Amino acid sequence: PRTGLAIRISQLDAPFWQQHFAGA
């Protein structure tokens, strides 16, 4: 994710990721 965080599993359907999704 970013500095200060570890590699993780995230939820694609979370609003943040939906708002920033650019493609696959």
PDBML (XML) file of the C-alpha atoms, coordinates in Angstrom:
<?xml version="1.0" encoding="UTF-8" ?>
<PDBx:datablock datablockName="MODEL"
   xmlns:PDBx="http://pdbml.pdb.org/schema/pdbx-v50.xsd"
   xmlns:xsi="http://www.w3.org/2001/XMLSchema-instance"
   xsi:schemaLocation="http://pdbml.pdb.org/schema/pdbx-v50.xsd pdbx-v50.xsd">
   <PDBx:atom_siteCategory>
      <PDBx:atom_site id="1">
         <PDBx:B_iso_or_equiv>0.00</PDBx:B_iso_or_equiv>
         <PDBx:Cartn_x>0.000</PDBx:Cartn_x>
         <PDBx:Cartn_y>0.000</PDBx:Cartn_y>
         <PDBx:Cartn_z>0.000</PDBx:Cartn_z>
         <PDBx:auth_asym_id>A</PDBx:auth_asym_id>
         <PDBx:auth_atom_id>CA</PDBx:auth_atom_id>
         <PDBx:auth_comp_id>PRO</PDBx:auth_comp_id>
         <PDBx:auth_seq_id>1</PDBx:auth_seq_id>
         <PDBx:group_PDB>ATOM</PDBx:group_PDB>
         <PDBx:label_alt_id xsi:nil="true" />
         <PDBx:label_asym_id>A</PDBx:label_asym_id>
         <PDBx:label_atom_id>CA</PDBx:label_atom_id>
         <PDBx:label_comp_id>PRO</PDBx:label_comp_id>
         <PDBx:label_entity_id>1</PDBx:label_entity_id>
         <PDBx:label_seq_id>1</PDBx:label_seq_id>
         <PDBx:occupancy>1.00</PDBx:occupancy>
         <PDBx:pdbx_PDB_model_num>1</PDBx:pdbx_PDB_model_num>
         <PDBx:type_symbol>C</PDBx:type_symbol>
      </PDBx:atom_site>
      <PDBx:atom_site id="2">
         <PDBx:B_iso_or_equiv>0.00</PDBx:B_iso_or_equiv>
         <PDBx:Cartn_x>2.287</PDBx:Cartn_x>
         <PDBx:Cartn_y>2.841</PDBx:Cartn_y>
         <PDBx:Cartn_z>1.131</PDBx:Cartn_z>
         <PDBx:auth_asym_id>A</PDBx:auth_asym_id>
         <PDBx:auth_atom_id>CA</PDBx:auth_atom_id>
         <PDBx:auth_comp_id>ARG</PDBx:auth_comp_id>
         <PDBx:auth_seq_id>2</PDBx:auth_seq_id>
         <PDBx:group_PDB>ATOM</PDBx:group_PDB>
         <PDBx:label_alt_id xsi:nil="true" />
         <PDBx:label_asym_id>A</PDBx:label_asym_id>
         <PDBx:label_atom_id>CA</PDBx:label_atom_id>
         <PDBx:label_comp_id>ARG</PDBx:label_comp_id>
         <PDBx:label_entity_id>1</PDBx:label_entity_id>
         <PDBx:label_seq_id>2</PDBx:label_seq_id>
         <PDBx:occupancy>1.00</PDBx:occupancy>
         <PDBx:pdbx_PDB_model_num>1</PDBx:pdbx_PDB_model_num>
         <PDBx:type_symbol>C</PDBx:type_symbol>
      </PDBx:atom_site>
      <PDBx:atom_site id="3">
         <PDBx:B_iso_or_equiv>0.00</PDBx:B_iso_or_equiv>
         <PDBx:Cartn_x>5.077</PDBx:Cartn_x>
         <PDBx:Cartn_y>3.824</PDBx:Cartn_y>
         <PDBx:Cartn_z>3.501</PDBx:Cartn_z>
         <PDBx:auth_asym_id>A</PDBx:auth_asym_id>
         <PDBx:auth_atom_id>CA</PDBx:auth_atom_id>
         <PDBx:auth_comp_id>THR</PDBx:auth_comp_id>
         <PDBx:auth_seq_id>3</PDBx:auth_seq_id>
         <PDBx:group_PDB>ATOM</PDBx:group_PDB>
         <PDBx:label_alt_id xsi:nil="true" />
         <PDBx:label_asym_id>A</PDBx:label_asym_id>
         <PDBx:label_atom_id>CA</PDBx:label_atom_id>
         <PDBx:label_comp_id>THR</PDBx:label_comp_id>
         <PDBx:label_entity_id>1</PDBx:label_entity_id>
         <PDBx:label_seq_id>3</PDBx:label_seq_id>
         <PDBx:occupancy>1.00</PDBx:occupancy>
         <PDBx:pdbx_PDB_model_num>1</PDBx:pdbx_PDB_model_num>
         <PDBx:type_symbol>C</PDBx:type_symbol>
      </PDBx:atom_site>
      <PDBx:atom_site id="4">
         <PDBx:B_iso_or_equiv>0.00</PDBx:B_iso_or_equiv>
         <PDBx:Cartn_x>4.319</PDBx:Cartn_x>
         <PDBx:Cartn_y>2.762</PDBx:Cartn_y>
         <PDBx:Cartn_z>7.052</PDBx:Cartn_z>
         <PDBx:auth_asym_id>A</PDBx:auth_asym_id>
         <PDBx:auth_atom_id>CA</PDBx:auth_atom_id>
         <PDBx:auth_comp_id>GLY</PDBx:auth_comp_id>
         <PDBx:auth_seq_id>4</PDBx:auth_seq_id>
         <PDBx:group_PDB>ATOM</PDBx:group_PDB>
         <PDBx:label_alt_id xsi:nil="true" />
         <PDBx:label_asym_id>A</PDBx:label_asym_id>
         <PDBx:label_atom_id>CA</PDBx:label_atom_id>
         <PDBx:label_comp_id>GLY</PDBx:label_comp_id>
         <PDBx:label_entity_id>1</PDBx:label_entity_id>
         <PDBx:label_seq_id>4</PDBx:label_seq_id>
         <PDBx:occupancy>1.00</PDBx:occupancy>
         <PDBx:pdbx_PDB_model_num>1</PDBx:pdbx_PDB_model_num>
         <PDBx:type_symbol>C</PDBx:type_symbol>
      </PDBx:atom_site>
      <PDBx:atom_site id="5">
         <PDBx:B_iso_or_equiv>0.00</PDBx:B_iso_or_equiv>
         <PDBx:Cartn_x>2.055</PDBx:Cartn_x>
         <PDBx:Cartn_y>-0.124</PDBx:Cartn_y>
         <PDBx:Cartn_z>6.029</PDBx:Cartn_z>
         <PDBx:auth_asym_id>A</PDBx:auth_asym_id>
         <PDBx:auth_atom_id>CA</PDBx:auth_atom_id>
         <PDBx:auth_comp_id>LEU</PDBx:auth_comp_id>
         <PDBx:auth_seq_id>5</PDBx:auth_seq_id>
         <PDBx:group_PDB>ATOM</PDBx:group_PDB>
         <PDBx:label_alt_id xsi:nil="true" />
         <PDBx:label_asym_id>A</PDBx:label_asym_id>
         <PDBx:label_atom_id>CA</PDBx:label_atom_id>
         <PDBx:label_comp_id>LEU</PDBx:label_comp_id>
         <PDBx:label_entity_id>1</PDBx:label_entity_id>
         <PDBx:label_seq_id>5</PDBx:label_seq_id>
         <PDBx:occupancy>1.00</PDBx:occupancy>
         <PDBx:pdbx_PDB_model_num>1</PDBx:pdbx_PDB_model_num>
         <PDBx:type_symbol>C</PDBx:type_symbol>
      </PDBx:atom_site>
      <PDBx:atom_site id="6">
         <PDBx:B_iso_or_equiv>0.00</PDBx:B_iso_or_equiv>
         <PDBx:Cartn_x>2.790</PDBx:Cartn_x>
         <PDBx:Cartn_y>-3.759</PDBx:Cartn_y>
         <PDBx:Cartn_z>5.241</PDBx:Cartn_z>
         <PDBx:auth_asym_id>A</PDBx:auth_asym_id>
         <PDBx:auth_atom_id>CA</PDBx:auth_atom_id>
         <PDBx:auth_comp_id>ALA</PDBx:auth_comp_id>
         <PDBx:auth_seq_id>6</PDBx:auth_seq_id>
         <PDBx:group_PDB>ATOM</PDBx:group_PDB>
         <PDBx:label_alt_id xsi:nil="true" />
         <PDBx:label_asym_id>A</PDBx:label_asym_id>
         <PDBx:label_atom_id>CA</PDBx:label_atom_id>
         <PDBx:label_comp_id>ALA</PDBx:label_comp_id>
         <PDBx:label_entity_id>1</PDBx:label_entity_id>
         <PDBx:label_seq_id>6</PDBx:label_seq_id>
         <PDBx:occupancy>1.00</PDBx:occupancy>
         <PDBx:pdbx_PDB_model_num>1</PDBx:pdbx_PDB_model_num>
         <PDBx:type_symbol>C</PDBx:type_symbol>
      </PDBx:atom_site>
      <PDBx:atom_site id="7">
         <PDBx:B_iso_or_equiv>0.00</PDBx:B_iso_or_equiv>
         <PDBx:Cartn_x>1.806</PDBx:Cartn_x>
         <PDBx:Cartn_y>-5.864</PDBx:Cartn_y>
         <PDBx:Cartn_z>2.251</PDBx:Cartn_z>
         <PDBx:auth_asym_id>A</PDBx:auth_asym_id>
         <PDBx:auth_atom_id>CA</PDBx:auth_atom_id>
         <PDBx:auth_comp_id>ILE</PDBx:auth_comp_id>
         <PDBx:auth_seq_id>7</PDBx:auth_seq_id>
         <PDBx:group_PDB>ATOM</PDBx:group_PDB>
         <PDBx:label_alt_id xsi:nil="true" />
         <PDBx:label_asym_id>A</PDBx:label_asym_id>
         <PDBx:label_atom_id>CA</PDBx:label_atom_id>
         <PDBx:label_comp_id>ILE</PDBx:label_comp_id>
         <PDBx:label_entity_id>1</PDBx:label_entity_id>
         <PDBx:label_seq_id>7</PDBx:label_seq_id>
         <PDBx:occupancy>1.00</PDBx:occupancy>
         <PDBx:pdbx_PDB_model_num>1</PDBx:pdbx_PDB_model_num>
         <PDBx:type_symbol>C</PDBx:type_symbol>
      </PDBx:atom_site>
      <PDBx:atom_site id="8">
         <PDBx:B_iso_or_equiv>0.00</PDBx:B_iso_or_equiv>
         <PDBx:Cartn_x>-1.808</PDBx:Cartn_x>
         <PDBx:Cartn_y>-6.823</PDBx:Cartn_y>
         <PDBx:Cartn_z>2.789</PDBx:Cartn_z>
         <PDBx:auth_asym_id>A</PDBx:auth_asym_id>
         <PDBx:auth_atom_id>CA</PDBx:auth_atom_id>
         <PDBx:auth_comp_id>ARG</PDBx:auth_comp_id>
         <PDBx:auth_seq_id>8</PDBx:auth_seq_id>
         <PDBx:group_PDB>ATOM</PDBx:group_PDB>
         <PDBx:label_alt_id xsi:nil="true" />
         <PDBx:label_asym_id>A</PDBx:label_asym_id>
         <PDBx:label_atom_id>CA</PDBx:label_atom_id>
         <PDBx:label_comp_id>ARG</PDBx:label_comp_id>
         <PDBx:label_entity_id>1</PDBx:label_entity_id>
         <PDBx:label_seq_id>8</PDBx:label_seq_id>
         <PDBx:occupancy>1.00</PDBx:occupancy>
         <PDBx:pdbx_PDB_model_num>1</PDBx:pdbx_PDB_model_num>
         <PDBx:type_symbol>C</PDBx:type_symbol>
      </PDBx:atom_site>
      <PDBx:atom_site id="9">
         <PDBx:B_iso_or_equiv>0.00</PDBx:B_iso_or_equiv>
         <PDBx:Cartn_x>-5.040</PDBx:Cartn_x>
         <PDBx:Cartn_y>-8.092</PDBx:Cartn_y>
         <PDBx:Cartn_z>1.305</PDBx:Cartn_z>
         <PDBx:auth_asym_id>A</PDBx:auth_asym_id>
         <PDBx:auth_atom_id>CA</PDBx:auth_atom_id>
         <PDBx:auth_comp_id>ILE</PDBx:auth_comp_id>
         <PDBx:auth_seq_id>9</PDBx:auth_seq_id>
         <PDBx:group_PDB>ATOM</PDBx:group_PDB>
         <PDBx:label_alt_id xsi:nil="true" />
         <PDBx:label_asym_id>A</PDBx:label_asym_id>
         <PDBx:label_atom_id>CA</PDBx:label_atom_id>
         <PDBx:label_comp_id>ILE</PDBx:label_comp_id>
         <PDBx:label_entity_id>1</PDBx:label_entity_id>
         <PDBx:label_seq_id>9</PDBx:label_seq_id>
         <PDBx:occupancy>1.00</PDBx:occupancy>
         <PDBx:pdbx_PDB_model_num>1</PDBx:pdbx_PDB_model_num>
         <PDBx:type_symbol>C</PDBx:type_symbol>
      </PDBx:atom_site>
      <PDBx:atom_site id="10">
         <PDBx:B_iso_or_equiv>0.00</PDBx:B_iso_or_equiv>
         <PDBx:Cartn_x>-7.564</PDBx:Cartn_x>
         <PDBx:Cartn_y>-5.331</PDBx:Cartn_y>
         <PDBx:Cartn_z>0.600</PDBx:Cartn_z>
         <PDBx:auth_asym_id>A</PDBx:auth_asym_id>
         <PDBx:auth_atom_id>CA</PDBx:auth_atom_id>
         <PDBx:auth_comp_id>SER</PDBx:auth_comp_id>
         <PDBx:auth_seq_id>10</PDBx:auth_seq_id>
         <PDBx:group_PDB>ATOM</PDBx:group_PDB>
         <PDBx:label_alt_id xsi:nil="true" />
         <PDBx:label_asym_id>A</PDBx:label_asym_id>
         <PDBx:label_atom_id>CA</PDBx:label_atom_id>
         <PDBx:label_comp_id>SER</PDBx:label_comp_id>
         <PDBx:label_entity_id>1</PDBx:label_entity_id>
         <PDBx:label_seq_id>10</PDBx:label_seq_id>
         <PDBx:occupancy>1.00</PDBx:occupancy>
         <PDBx:pdbx_PDB_model_num>1</PDBx:pdbx_PDB_model_num>
         <PDBx:type_symbol>C</PDBx:type_symbol>
      </PDBx:atom_site>
      <PDBx:atom_site id="11">
         <PDBx:B_iso_or_equiv>0.00</PDBx:B_iso_or_equiv>
         <PDBx:Cartn_x>-11.228</PDBx:Cartn_x>
         <PDBx:Cartn_y>-5.258</PDBx:Cartn_y>
         <PDBx:Cartn_z>-0.412</PDBx:Cartn_z>
         <PDBx:auth_asym_id>A</PDBx:auth_asym_id>
         <PDBx:auth_atom_id>CA</PDBx:auth_atom_id>
         <PDBx:auth_comp_id>GLN</PDBx:auth_comp_id>
         <PDBx:auth_seq_id>11</PDBx:auth_seq_id>
         <PDBx:group_PDB>ATOM</PDBx:group_PDB>
         <PDBx:label_alt_id xsi:nil="true" />
         <PDBx:label_asym_id>A</PDBx:label_asym_id>
         <PDBx:label_atom_id>CA</PDBx:label_atom_id>
         <PDBx:label_comp_id>GLN</PDBx:label_comp_id>
         <PDBx:label_entity_id>1</PDBx:label_entity_id>
         <PDBx:label_seq_id>11</PDBx:label_seq_id>
         <PDBx:occupancy>1.00</PDBx:occupancy>
         <PDBx:pdbx_PDB_model_num>1</PDBx:pdbx_PDB_model_num>
         <PDBx:type_symbol>C</PDBx:type_symbol>
      </PDBx:atom_site>
      <PDBx:atom_site id="12">
         <PDBx:B_iso_or_equiv>0.00</PDBx:B_iso_or_equiv>
         <PDBx:Cartn_x>-11.795</PDBx:Cartn_x>
         <PDBx:Cartn_y>-4.130</PDBx:Cartn_y>
         <PDBx:Cartn_z>-4.001</PDBx:Cartn_z>
         <PDBx:auth_asym_id>A</PDBx:auth_asym_id>
         <PDBx:auth_atom_id>CA</PDBx:auth_atom_id>
         <PDBx:auth_comp_id>LEU</PDBx:auth_comp_id>
         <PDBx:auth_seq_id>12</PDBx:auth_seq_id>
         <PDBx:group_PDB>ATOM</PDBx:group_PDB>
         <PDBx:label_alt_id xsi:nil="true" />
         <PDBx:label_asym_id>A</PDBx:label_asym_id>
         <PDBx:label_atom_id>CA</PDBx:label_atom_id>
         <PDBx:label_comp_id>LEU</PDBx:label_comp_id>
         <PDBx:label_entity_id>1</PDBx:label_entity_id>
         <PDBx:label_seq_id>12</PDBx:label_seq_id>
         <PDBx:occupancy>1.00</PDBx:occupancy>
         <PDBx:pdbx_PDB_model_num>1</PDBx:pdbx_PDB_model_num>
         <PDBx:type_symbol>C</PDBx:type_symbol>
      </PDBx:atom_site>
      <PDBx:atom_site id="13">
         <PDBx:B_iso_or_equiv>0.00</PDBx:B_iso_or_equiv>
         <PDBx:Cartn_x>-15.414</PDBx:Cartn_x>
         <PDBx:Cartn_y>-3.245</PDBx:Cartn_y>
         <PDBx:Cartn_z>-3.265</PDBx:Cartn_z>
         <PDBx:auth_asym_id>A</PDBx:auth_asym_id>
         <PDBx:auth_atom_id>CA</PDBx:auth_atom_id>
         <PDBx:auth_comp_id>ASP</PDBx:auth_comp_id>
         <PDBx:auth_seq_id>13</PDBx:auth_seq_id>
         <PDBx:group_PDB>ATOM</PDBx:group_PDB>
         <PDBx:label_alt_id xsi:nil="true" />
         <PDBx:label_asym_id>A</PDBx:label_asym_id>
         <PDBx:label_atom_id>CA</PDBx:label_atom_id>
         <PDBx:label_comp_id>ASP</PDBx:label_comp_id>
         <PDBx:label_entity_id>1</PDBx:label_entity_id>
         <PDBx:label_seq_id>13</PDBx:label_seq_id>
         <PDBx:occupancy>1.00</PDBx:occupancy>
         <PDBx:pdbx_PDB_model_num>1</PDBx:pdbx_PDB_model_num>
         <PDBx:type_symbol>C</PDBx:type_symbol>
      </PDBx:atom_site>
      <PDBx:atom_site id="14">
         <PDBx:B_iso_or_equiv>0.00</PDBx:B_iso_or_equiv>
         <PDBx:Cartn_x>-14.419</PDBx:Cartn_x>
         <PDBx:Cartn_y>-0.740</PDBx:Cartn_y>
         <PDBx:Cartn_z>-0.544</PDBx:Cartn_z>
         <PDBx:auth_asym_id>A</PDBx:auth_asym_id>
         <PDBx:auth_atom_id>CA</PDBx:auth_atom_id>
         <PDBx:auth_comp_id>ALA</PDBx:auth_comp_id>
         <PDBx:auth_seq_id>14</PDBx:auth_seq_id>
         <PDBx:group_PDB>ATOM</PDBx:group_PDB>
         <PDBx:label_alt_id xsi:nil="true" />
         <PDBx:label_asym_id>A</PDBx:label_asym_id>
         <PDBx:label_atom_id>CA</PDBx:label_atom_id>
         <PDBx:label_comp_id>ALA</PDBx:label_comp_id>
         <PDBx:label_entity_id>1</PDBx:label_entity_id>
         <PDBx:label_seq_id>14</PDBx:label_seq_id>
         <PDBx:occupancy>1.00</PDBx:occupancy>
         <PDBx:pdbx_PDB_model_num>1</PDBx:pdbx_PDB_model_num>
         <PDBx:type_symbol>C</PDBx:type_symbol>
      </PDBx:atom_site>
      <PDBx:atom_site id="15">
         <PDBx:B_iso_or_equiv>0.00</PDBx:B_iso_or_equiv>
         <PDBx:Cartn_x>-15.485</PDBx:Cartn_x>
         <PDBx:Cartn_y>2.793</PDBx:Cartn_y>
         <PDBx:Cartn_z>-1.544</PDBx:Cartn_z>
         <PDBx:auth_asym_id>A</PDBx:auth_asym_id>
         <PDBx:auth_atom_id>CA</PDBx:auth_atom_id>
         <PDBx:auth_comp_id>PRO</PDBx:auth_comp_id>
         <PDBx:auth_seq_id>15</PDBx:auth_seq_id>
         <PDBx:group_PDB>ATOM</PDBx:group_PDB>
         <PDBx:label_alt_id xsi:nil="true" />
         <PDBx:label_asym_id>A</PDBx:label_asym_id>
         <PDBx:label_atom_id>CA</PDBx:label_atom_id>
         <PDBx:label_comp_id>PRO</PDBx:label_comp_id>
         <PDBx:label_entity_id>1</PDBx:label_entity_id>
         <PDBx:label_seq_id>15</PDBx:label_seq_id>
         <PDBx:occupancy>1.00</PDBx:occupancy>
         <PDBx:pdbx_PDB_model_num>1</PDBx:pdbx_PDB_model_num>
         <PDBx:type_symbol>C</PDBx:type_symbol>
      </PDBx:atom_site>
      <PDBx:atom_site id="16">
         <PDBx:B_iso_or_equiv>0.00</PDBx:B_iso_or_equiv>
         <PDBx:Cartn_x>-11.895</PDBx:Cartn_x>
         <PDBx:Cartn_y>4.104</PDBx:Cartn_y>
         <PDBx:Cartn_z>-1.661</PDBx:Cartn_z>
         <PDBx:auth_asym_id>A</PDBx:auth_asym_id>
         <PDBx:auth_atom_id>CA</PDBx:auth_atom_id>
         <PDBx:auth_comp_id>PHE</PDBx:auth_comp_id>
         <PDBx:auth_seq_id>16</PDBx:auth_seq_id>
         <PDBx:group_PDB>ATOM</PDBx:group_PDB>
         <PDBx:label_alt_id xsi:nil="true" />
         <PDBx:label_asym_id>A</PDBx:label_asym_id>
         <PDBx:label_atom_id>CA</PDBx:label_atom_id>
         <PDBx:label_comp_id>PHE</PDBx:label_comp_id>
         <PDBx:label_entity_id>1</PDBx:label_entity_id>
         <PDBx:label_seq_id>16</PDBx:label_seq_id>
         <PDBx:occupancy>1.00</PDBx:occupancy>
         <PDBx:pdbx_PDB_model_num>1</PDBx:pdbx_PDB_model_num>
         <PDBx:type_symbol>C</PDBx:type_symbol>
      </PDBx:atom_site>
      <PDBx:atom_site id="17">
         <PDBx:B_iso_or_equiv>0.00</PDBx:B_iso_or_equiv>
         <PDBx:Cartn_x>-10.781</PDBx:Cartn_x>
         <PDBx:Cartn_y>1.500</PDBx:Cartn_y>
         <PDBx:Cartn_z>-4.190</PDBx:Cartn_z>
         <PDBx:auth_asym_id>A</PDBx:auth_asym_id>
         <PDBx:auth_atom_id>CA</PDBx:auth_atom_id>
         <PDBx:auth_comp_id>TRP</PDBx:auth_comp_id>
         <PDBx:auth_seq_id>17</PDBx:auth_seq_id>
         <PDBx:group_PDB>ATOM</PDBx:group_PDB>
         <PDBx:label_alt_id xsi:nil="true" />
         <PDBx:label_asym_id>A</PDBx:label_asym_id>
         <PDBx:label_atom_id>CA</PDBx:label_atom_id>
         <PDBx:label_comp_id>TRP</PDBx:label_comp_id>
         <PDBx:label_entity_id>1</PDBx:label_entity_id>
         <PDBx:label_seq_id>17</PDBx:label_seq_id>
         <PDBx:occupancy>1.00</PDBx:occupancy>
         <PDBx:pdbx_PDB_model_num>1</PDBx:pdbx_PDB_model_num>
         <PDBx:type_symbol>C</PDBx:type_symbol>
      </PDBx:atom_site>
      <PDBx:atom_site id="18">
         <PDBx:B_iso_or_equiv>0.00</PDBx:B_iso_or_equiv>
         <PDBx:Cartn_x>-13.938</PDBx:Cartn_x>
         <PDBx:Cartn_y>1.871</PDBx:Cartn_y>
         <PDBx:Cartn_z>-6.284</PDBx:Cartn_z>
         <PDBx:auth_asym_id>A</PDBx:auth_asym_id>
         <PDBx:auth_atom_id>CA</PDBx:auth_atom_id>
         <PDBx:auth_comp_id>GLN</PDBx:auth_comp_id>
         <PDBx:auth_seq_id>18</PDBx:auth_seq_id>
         <PDBx:group_PDB>ATOM</PDBx:group_PDB>
         <PDBx:label_alt_id xsi:nil="true" />
         <PDBx:label_asym_id>A</PDBx:label_asym_id>
         <PDBx:label_atom_id>CA</PDBx:label_atom_id>
         <PDBx:label_comp_id>GLN</PDBx:label_comp_id>
         <PDBx:label_entity_id>1</PDBx:label_entity_id>
         <PDBx:label_seq_id>18</PDBx:label_seq_id>
         <PDBx:occupancy>1.00</PDBx:occupancy>
         <PDBx:pdbx_PDB_model_num>1</PDBx:pdbx_PDB_model_num>
         <PDBx:type_symbol>C</PDBx:type_symbol>
      </PDBx:atom_site>
      <PDBx:atom_site id="19">
         <PDBx:B_iso_or_equiv>0.00</PDBx:B_iso_or_equiv>
         <PDBx:Cartn_x>-13.428</PDBx:Cartn_x>
         <PDBx:Cartn_y>5.641</PDBx:Cartn_y>
         <PDBx:Cartn_z>-6.483</PDBx:Cartn_z>
         <PDBx:auth_asym_id>A</PDBx:auth_asym_id>
         <PDBx:auth_atom_id>CA</PDBx:auth_atom_id>
         <PDBx:auth_comp_id>GLN</PDBx:auth_comp_id>
         <PDBx:auth_seq_id>19</PDBx:auth_seq_id>
         <PDBx:group_PDB>ATOM</PDBx:group_PDB>
         <PDBx:label_alt_id xsi:nil="true" />
         <PDBx:label_asym_id>A</PDBx:label_asym_id>
         <PDBx:label_atom_id>CA</PDBx:label_atom_id>
         <PDBx:label_comp_id>GLN</PDBx:label_comp_id>
         <PDBx:label_entity_id>1</PDBx:label_entity_id>
         <PDBx:label_seq_id>19</PDBx:label_seq_id>
         <PDBx:occupancy>1.00</PDBx:occupancy>
         <PDBx:pdbx_PDB_model_num>1</PDBx:pdbx_PDB_model_num>
         <PDBx:type_symbol>C</PDBx:type_symbol>
      </PDBx:atom_site>
      <PDBx:atom_site id="20">
         <PDBx:B_iso_or_equiv>0.00</PDBx:B_iso_or_equiv>
         <PDBx:Cartn_x>-9.805</PDBx:Cartn_x>
         <PDBx:Cartn_y>5.260</PDBx:Cartn_y>
         <PDBx:Cartn_z>-7.615</PDBx:Cartn_z>
         <PDBx:auth_asym_id>A</PDBx:auth_asym_id>
         <PDBx:auth_atom_id>CA</PDBx:auth_atom_id>
         <PDBx:auth_comp_id>HIS</PDBx:auth_comp_id>
         <PDBx:auth_seq_id>20</PDBx:auth_seq_id>
         <PDBx:group_PDB>ATOM</PDBx:group_PDB>
         <PDBx:label_alt_id xsi:nil="true" />
         <PDBx:label_asym_id>A</PDBx:label_asym_id>
         <PDBx:label_atom_id>CA</PDBx:label_atom_id>
         <PDBx:label_comp_id>HIS</PDBx:label_comp_id>
         <PDBx:label_entity_id>1</PDBx:label_entity_id>
         <PDBx:label_seq_id>20</PDBx:label_seq_id>
         <PDBx:occupancy>1.00</PDBx:occupancy>
         <PDBx:pdbx_PDB_model_num>1</PDBx:pdbx_PDB_model_num>
         <PDBx:type_symbol>C</PDBx:type_symbol>
      </PDBx:atom_site>
      <PDBx:atom_site id="21">
         <PDBx:B_iso_or_equiv>0.00</PDBx:B_iso_or_equiv>
         <PDBx:Cartn_x>-10.152</PDBx:Cartn_x>
         <PDBx:Cartn_y>2.206</PDBx:Cartn_y>
         <PDBx:Cartn_z>-9.889</PDBx:Cartn_z>
         <PDBx:auth_asym_id>A</PDBx:auth_asym_id>
         <PDBx:auth_atom_id>CA</PDBx:auth_atom_id>
         <PDBx:auth_comp_id>PHE</PDBx:auth_comp_id>
         <PDBx:auth_seq_id>21</PDBx:auth_seq_id>
         <PDBx:group_PDB>ATOM</PDBx:group_PDB>
         <PDBx:label_alt_id xsi:nil="true" />
         <PDBx:label_asym_id>A</PDBx:label_asym_id>
         <PDBx:label_atom_id>CA</PDBx:label_atom_id>
         <PDBx:label_comp_id>PHE</PDBx:label_comp_id>
         <PDBx:label_entity_id>1</PDBx:label_entity_id>
         <PDBx:label_seq_id>21</PDBx:label_seq_id>
         <PDBx:occupancy>1.00</PDBx:occupancy>
         <PDBx:pdbx_PDB_model_num>1</PDBx:pdbx_PDB_model_num>
         <PDBx:type_symbol>C</PDBx:type_symbol>
      </PDBx:atom_site>
      <PDBx:atom_site id="22">
         <PDBx:B_iso_or_equiv>0.00</PDBx:B_iso_or_equiv>
         <PDBx:Cartn_x>-8.553</PDBx:Cartn_x>
         <PDBx:Cartn_y>2.800</PDBx:Cartn_y>
         <PDBx:Cartn_z>-13.306</PDBx:Cartn_z>
         <PDBx:auth_asym_id>A</PDBx:auth_asym_id>
         <PDBx:auth_atom_id>CA</PDBx:auth_atom_id>
         <PDBx:auth_comp_id>ALA</PDBx:auth_comp_id>
         <PDBx:auth_seq_id>22</PDBx:auth_seq_id>
         <PDBx:group_PDB>ATOM</PDBx:group_PDB>
         <PDBx:label_alt_id xsi:nil="true" />
         <PDBx:label_asym_id>A</PDBx:label_asym_id>
         <PDBx:label_atom_id>CA</PDBx:label_atom_id>
         <PDBx:label_comp_id>ALA</PDBx:label_comp_id>
         <PDBx:label_entity_id>1</PDBx:label_entity_id>
         <PDBx:label_seq_id>22</PDBx:label_seq_id>
         <PDBx:occupancy>1.00</PDBx:occupancy>
         <PDBx:pdbx_PDB_model_num>1</PDBx:pdbx_PDB_model_num>
         <PDBx:type_symbol>C</PDBx:type_symbol>
      </PDBx:atom_site>
      <PDBx:atom_site id="23">
         <PDBx:B_iso_or_equiv>0.00</PDBx:B_iso_or_equiv>
         <PDBx:Cartn_x>-8.790</PDBx:Cartn_x>
         <PDBx:Cartn_y>-0.612</PDBx:Cartn_y>
         <PDBx:Cartn_z>-14.970</PDBx:Cartn_z>
         <PDBx:auth_asym_id>A</PDBx:auth_asym_id>
         <PDBx:auth_atom_id>CA</PDBx:auth_atom_id>
         <PDBx:auth_comp_id>GLY</PDBx:auth_comp_id>
         <PDBx:auth_seq_id>23</PDBx:auth_seq_id>
         <PDBx:group_PDB>ATOM</PDBx:group_PDB>
         <PDBx:label_alt_id xsi:nil="true" />
         <PDBx:label_asym_id>A</PDBx:label_asym_id>
         <PDBx:label_atom_id>CA</PDBx:label_atom_id>
         <PDBx:label_comp_id>GLY</PDBx:label_comp_id>
         <PDBx:label_entity_id>1</PDBx:label_entity_id>
         <PDBx:label_seq_id>23</PDBx:label_seq_id>
         <PDBx:occupancy>1.00</PDBx:occupancy>
         <PDBx:pdbx_PDB_model_num>1</PDBx:pdbx_PDB_model_num>
         <PDBx:type_symbol>C</PDBx:type_symbol>
      </PDBx:atom_site>
      <PDBx:atom_site id="24">
         <PDBx:B_iso_or_equiv>0.00</PDBx:B_iso_or_equiv>
         <PDBx:Cartn_x>-7.561</PDBx:Cartn_x>
         <PDBx:Cartn_y>-4.194</PDBx:Cartn_y>
         <PDBx:Cartn_z>-15.046</PDBx:Cartn_z>
         <PDBx:auth_asym_id>A</PDBx:auth_asym_id>
         <PDBx:auth_atom_id>CA</PDBx:auth_atom_id>
         <PDBx:auth_comp_id>ALA</PDBx:auth_comp_id>
         <PDBx:auth_seq_id>24</PDBx:auth_seq_id>
         <PDBx:group_PDB>ATOM</PDBx:group_PDB>
         <PDBx:label_alt_id xsi:nil="true" />
         <PDBx:label_asym_id>A</PDBx:label_asym_id>
         <PDBx:label_atom_id>CA</PDBx:label_atom_id>
         <PDBx:label_comp_id>ALA</PDBx:label_comp_id>
         <PDBx:label_entity_id>1</PDBx:label_entity_id>
         <PDBx:label_seq_id>24</PDBx:label_seq_id>
         <PDBx:occupancy>1.00</PDBx:occupancy>
         <PDBx:pdbx_PDB_model_num>1</PDBx:pdbx_PDB_model_num>
         <PDBx:type_symbol>C</PDBx:type_symbol>
      </PDBx:atom_site>
   </PDBx:atom_siteCategory>
</PDBx:datablock>
